[in-house]
Amino acid sequence: MKPREMSGTECEDLLAKSRFGRVGLSSGDQPYVVPMSYIYADGVILLHSGLKGKKLDIVKDNSRVCFEVDYAEKGRWRSVIAFGKARLSQDVEAKKKLFDIFTKGEMGGHGGKSFRREDMEKMPMVIWEIEIEEMTGREGVW
């Protein structure tokens, strides 16, 4: 089977079902790709990271990013690349949005635990929101 373009709905389905992807960043003429766990909801890719590090230094300088996710099984593969701008926030509302989606979904890990506002205010993390401007997907067999 020759690789084929996936529809927007198929791309969103793969983004919604996957939990790990790679964010592509660029500083000057140097690309940088890093794997990250994420959540996809309402057309937005949500990630979180610590307060320091190379990826934060890069994205603060250049908010244009791409995000890639793929899936392969039984000789078939699918991949999606989304392009957009990353907005960074340490705001408690951004943290609440991420954790509400995380704990209410199948992403588990916290057993449906809810987080208190006071706890979220103290969490040393940055929330990344990537609003998708453009997205492409392909699938095929090897």
C-alpha atoms as a PDB file:
ATOM      1  CA  MET A   1       0.000   0.000   0.000  1.00  0.00           C
ATOM      2  CA  LYS A   2       1.351   3.373  -1.012  1.00  0.00           C
ATOM      3  CA  PRO A   3       1.387   5.928   1.861  1.00  0.00           C
ATOM      4  CA  ARG A   4      -1.737   8.081   1.913  1.00  0.00           C
ATOM      5  CA  GLU A   5      -2.707  11.398   3.436  1.00  0.00           C
ATOM      6  CA  MET A   6      -4.864  11.112   6.542  1.00  0.00           C
ATOM      7  CA  SER A   7      -7.950  13.267   7.010  1.00  0.00           C
ATOM      8  CA  GLY A   8      -8.132  15.921   9.712  1.00  0.00           C
ATOM      9  CA  THR A   9     -10.398  13.660  11.763  1.00  0.00           C
ATOM     10  CA  GLU A  10      -7.917  10.779  11.487  1.00  0.00           C
ATOM     11  CA  CYS A  11      -5.076  13.079  12.562  1.00  0.00           C
ATOM     12  CA  GLU A  12      -7.051  14.271  15.587  1.00  0.00           C
ATOM     13  CA  ASP A  13      -7.904  10.672  16.484  1.00  0.00           C
ATOM     14  CA  LEU A  14      -4.221   9.701  16.539  1.00  0.00           C
ATOM     15  CA  LEU A  15      -3.343  12.778  18.607  1.00  0.00           C
ATOM     16  CA  ALA A  16      -6.136  11.981  21.076  1.00  0.00           C
ATOM     17  CA  LYS A  17      -5.126   8.325  21.516  1.00  0.00           C
ATOM     18  CA  SER A  18      -1.382   8.790  21.851  1.00  0.00           C
ATOM     19  CA  ARG A  19       0.360   9.888  25.049  1.00  0.00           C
ATOM     20  CA  PHE A  20       3.923  10.595  23.940  1.00  0.00           C
ATOM     21  CA  GLY A  21       5.233  12.685  21.071  1.00  0.00           C
ATOM     22  CA  ARG A  22       8.182  14.798  20.065  1.00  0.00           C
ATOM     23  CA  VAL A  23       8.286  18.585  20.103  1.00  0.00           C
ATOM     24  CA  GLY A  24      10.523  20.224  17.520  1.00  0.00           C
ATOM     25  CA  LEU A  25      12.127  23.542  18.385  1.00  0.00           C
ATOM     26  CA  SER A  26      14.662  25.780  16.670  1.00  0.00           C
ATOM     27  CA  SER A  27      17.254  28.230  17.926  1.00  0.00           C
ATOM     28  CA  GLY A  28      19.101  30.078  15.211  1.00  0.00           C
ATOM     29  CA  ASP A  29      20.213  27.406  12.771  1.00  0.00           C
ATOM     30  CA  GLN A  30      20.143  24.609  15.374  1.00  0.00           C
ATOM     31  CA  PRO A  31      17.129  22.261  15.539  1.00  0.00           C
ATOM     32  CA  TYR A  32      16.221  20.540  18.803  1.00  0.00           C
ATOM     33  CA  VAL A  33      13.747  17.683  19.247  1.00  0.00           C
ATOM     34  CA  VAL A  34      12.658  16.339  22.612  1.00  0.00           C
ATOM     35  CA  PRO A  35      10.159  13.593  23.551  1.00  0.00           C
ATOM     36  CA  MET A  36       7.361  14.692  25.884  1.00  0.00           C
ATOM     37  CA  SER A  37       4.154  13.285  27.298  1.00  0.00           C
ATOM     38  CA  TYR A  38       1.083  15.284  26.329  1.00  0.00           C
ATOM     39  CA  ILE A  39      -2.677  15.582  26.254  1.00  0.00           C
ATOM     40  CA  TYR A  40      -4.710  16.625  23.210  1.00  0.00           C
ATOM     41  CA  ALA A  41      -8.034  18.342  23.874  1.00  0.00           C
ATOM     42  CA  ASP A  42     -10.188  20.812  21.936  1.00  0.00           C
ATOM     43  CA  GLY A  43      -7.629  21.384  19.206  1.00  0.00           C
ATOM     44  CA  VAL A  44      -4.814  22.137  21.652  1.00  0.00           C
ATOM     45  CA  ILE A  45      -1.755  20.080  22.588  1.00  0.00           C
ATOM     46  CA  LEU A  46      -0.984  20.455  26.307  1.00  0.00           C
ATOM     47  CA  LEU A  47       2.430  19.615  27.738  1.00  0.00           C
ATOM     48  CA  HIS A  48       4.211  20.363  30.976  1.00  0.00           C
ATOM     49  CA  SER A  49       7.828  20.767  31.934  1.00  0.00           C
ATOM     50  CA  GLY A  50      10.043  21.973  34.734  1.00  0.00           C
ATOM     51  CA  LEU A  51      10.925  25.609  35.239  1.00  0.00           C
ATOM     52  CA  LYS A  52      14.400  25.419  33.674  1.00  0.00           C
ATOM     53  CA  GLY A  53      16.098  23.702  30.800  1.00  0.00           C
ATOM     54  CA  LYS A  54      17.233  23.867  27.215  1.00  0.00           C
ATOM     55  CA  LYS A  55      13.780  23.428  25.674  1.00  0.00           C
ATOM     56  CA  LEU A  56      12.391  26.325  27.718  1.00  0.00           C
ATOM     57  CA  ASP A  57      15.314  28.545  26.768  1.00  0.00           C
ATOM     58  CA  ILE A  58      14.705  27.760  23.096  1.00  0.00           C
ATOM     59  CA  VAL A  59      10.902  28.146  23.072  1.00  0.00           C
ATOM     60  CA  LYS A  60      11.096  31.454  24.950  1.00  0.00           C
ATOM     61  CA  ASP A  61      13.294  32.728  22.112  1.00  0.00           C
ATOM     62  CA  ASN A  62      11.235  31.148  19.294  1.00  0.00           C
ATOM     63  CA  SER A  63       7.671  30.064  20.087  1.00  0.00           C
ATOM     64  CA  ARG A  64       7.147  28.451  16.655  1.00  0.00           C
ATOM     65  CA  VAL A  65       7.098  24.678  17.182  1.00  0.00           C
ATOM     66  CA  CYS A  66       6.087  21.454  15.546  1.00  0.00           C
ATOM     67  CA  PHE A  67       4.819  18.383  17.339  1.00  0.00           C
ATOM     68  CA  GLU A  68       5.083  14.841  15.979  1.00  0.00           C
ATOM     69  CA  VAL A  69       3.357  11.654  17.065  1.00  0.00           C
ATOM     70  CA  ASP A  70       3.447   8.228  15.424  1.00  0.00           C
ATOM     71  CA  TYR A  71       2.079   4.741  15.825  1.00  0.00           C
ATOM     72  CA  ALA A  72       3.266   1.478  14.300  1.00  0.00           C
ATOM     73  CA  GLU A  73       1.790  -2.003  14.653  1.00  0.00           C
ATOM     74  CA  LYS A  74       1.675  -5.175  12.556  1.00  0.00           C
ATOM     75  CA  GLY A  75       3.486  -3.622   9.611  1.00  0.00           C
ATOM     76  CA  ARG A  76       1.286  -0.495   9.474  1.00  0.00           C
ATOM     77  CA  TRP A  77       2.311   2.996  10.517  1.00  0.00           C
ATOM     78  CA  ARG A  78       0.607   6.338  11.044  1.00  0.00           C
ATOM     79  CA  SER A  79       2.141   9.712  11.835  1.00  0.00           C
ATOM     80  CA  VAL A  80       0.946  13.260  12.434  1.00  0.00           C
ATOM     81  CA  ILE A  81       2.893  16.512  12.464  1.00  0.00           C
ATOM     82  CA  ALA A  82       1.227  19.611  13.893  1.00  0.00           C
ATOM     83  CA  PHE A  83       2.567  23.154  13.594  1.00  0.00           C
ATOM     84  CA  GLY A  84       1.788  26.126  15.805  1.00  0.00           C
ATOM     85  CA  LYS A  85       3.010  28.484  18.508  1.00  0.00           C
ATOM     86  CA  ALA A  86       3.650  27.451  22.089  1.00  0.00           C
ATOM     87  CA  ARG A  87       2.213  29.613  24.844  1.00  0.00           C
ATOM     88  CA  LEU A  88       3.861  29.113  28.223  1.00  0.00           C
ATOM     89  CA  SER A  89       2.141  29.642  31.556  1.00  0.00           C
ATOM     90  CA  GLN A  90       2.716  29.008  35.234  1.00  0.00           C
ATOM     91  CA  ASP A  91      -0.807  30.203  35.975  1.00  0.00           C
ATOM     92  CA  VAL A  92      -2.827  27.985  38.304  1.00  0.00           C
ATOM     93  CA  GLU A  93      -5.744  27.941  35.817  1.00  0.00           C
ATOM     94  CA  ALA A  94      -3.499  26.462  33.110  1.00  0.00           C
ATOM     95  CA  LYS A  95      -2.294  23.806  35.578  1.00  0.00           C
ATOM     96  CA  LYS A  96      -5.892  23.082  36.605  1.00  0.00           C
ATOM     97  CA  LYS A  97      -6.952  22.635  32.974  1.00  0.00           C
ATOM     98  CA  LEU A  98      -4.148  20.145  32.354  1.00  0.00           C
ATOM     99  CA  PHE A  99      -4.755  18.143  35.542  1.00  0.00           C
ATOM    100  CA  ASP A 100      -8.550  18.134  35.117  1.00  0.00           C
ATOM    101  CA  ILE A 101      -8.197  16.597  31.653  1.00  0.00           C
ATOM    102  CA  PHE A 102      -5.468  14.239  32.864  1.00  0.00           C
ATOM    103  CA  THR A 103      -7.341  12.884  35.887  1.00  0.00           C
ATOM    104  CA  LYS A 104     -10.748  12.635  34.182  1.00  0.00           C
ATOM    105  CA  GLY A 105      -9.413  10.750  31.181  1.00  0.00           C
ATOM    106  CA  GLU A 106      -7.865   7.355  30.718  1.00  0.00           C
ATOM    107  CA  MET A 107      -4.403   8.773  31.253  1.00  0.00           C
ATOM    108  CA  GLY A 108      -4.487   7.537  34.829  1.00  0.00           C
ATOM    109  CA  GLY A 109      -1.517   7.591  37.084  1.00  0.00           C
ATOM    110  CA  HIS A 110      -3.366   9.544  39.745  1.00  0.00           C
ATOM    111  CA  GLY A 111      -6.410   7.278  40.166  1.00  0.00           C
ATOM    112  CA  GLY A 112      -8.945  10.046  39.640  1.00  0.00           C
ATOM    113  CA  LYS A 113      -7.284  12.135  42.336  1.00  0.00           C
ATOM    114  CA  SER A 114      -8.199  15.797  42.308  1.00  0.00           C
ATOM    115  CA  PHE A 115      -5.615  18.432  43.056  1.00  0.00           C
ATOM    116  CA  ARG A 116      -6.261  21.297  45.435  1.00  0.00           C
ATOM    117  CA  ARG A 117      -5.714  24.820  44.152  1.00  0.00           C
ATOM    118  CA  GLU A 118      -3.122  25.461  46.879  1.00  0.00           C
ATOM    119  CA  ASP A 119      -1.166  22.396  45.772  1.00  0.00           C
ATOM    120  CA  MET A 120      -1.249  23.476  42.116  1.00  0.00           C
ATOM    121  CA  GLU A 121      -0.009  26.968  42.997  1.00  0.00           C
ATOM    122  CA  LYS A 122       3.105  25.384  44.528  1.00  0.00           C
ATOM    123  CA  MET A 123       3.800  22.985  41.640  1.00  0.00           C
ATOM    124  CA  PRO A 124       7.062  24.052  40.000  1.00  0.00           C
ATOM    125  CA  MET A 125       6.014  23.568  36.381  1.00  0.00           C
ATOM    126  CA  VAL A 126       5.355  25.346  33.134  1.00  0.00           C
ATOM    127  CA  ILE A 127       2.296  24.470  31.059  1.00  0.00           C
ATOM    128  CA  TRP A 128       2.760  24.534  27.290  1.00  0.00           C
ATOM    129  CA  GLU A 129      -0.292  25.108  25.079  1.00  0.00           C
ATOM    130  CA  ILE A 130       0.222  24.521  21.381  1.00  0.00           C
ATOM    131  CA  GLU A 131      -2.746  25.733  19.376  1.00  0.00           C
ATOM    132  CA  ILE A 132      -2.571  23.925  16.059  1.00  0.00           C
ATOM    133  CA  GLU A 133      -2.320  26.138  12.980  1.00  0.00           C
ATOM    134  CA  GLU A 134      -1.573  23.388  10.475  1.00  0.00           C
ATOM    135  CA  MET A 135      -1.564  19.602  10.680  1.00  0.00           C
ATOM    136  CA  THR A 136      -0.672  16.786   8.303  1.00  0.00           C
ATOM    137  CA  GLY A 137      -0.806  13.033   8.645  1.00  0.00           C
ATOM    138  CA  ARG A 138       0.167   9.991   6.638  1.00  0.00           C
ATOM    139  CA  GLU A 139      -0.252   6.254   6.951  1.00  0.00           C
ATOM    140  CA  GLY A 140       1.124   3.247   5.147  1.00  0.00           C
ATOM    141  CA  VAL A 141       2.706  -0.182   5.449  1.00  0.00           C
ATOM    142  CA  TRP A 142       6.334  -1.286   5.553  1.00  0.00           C
END
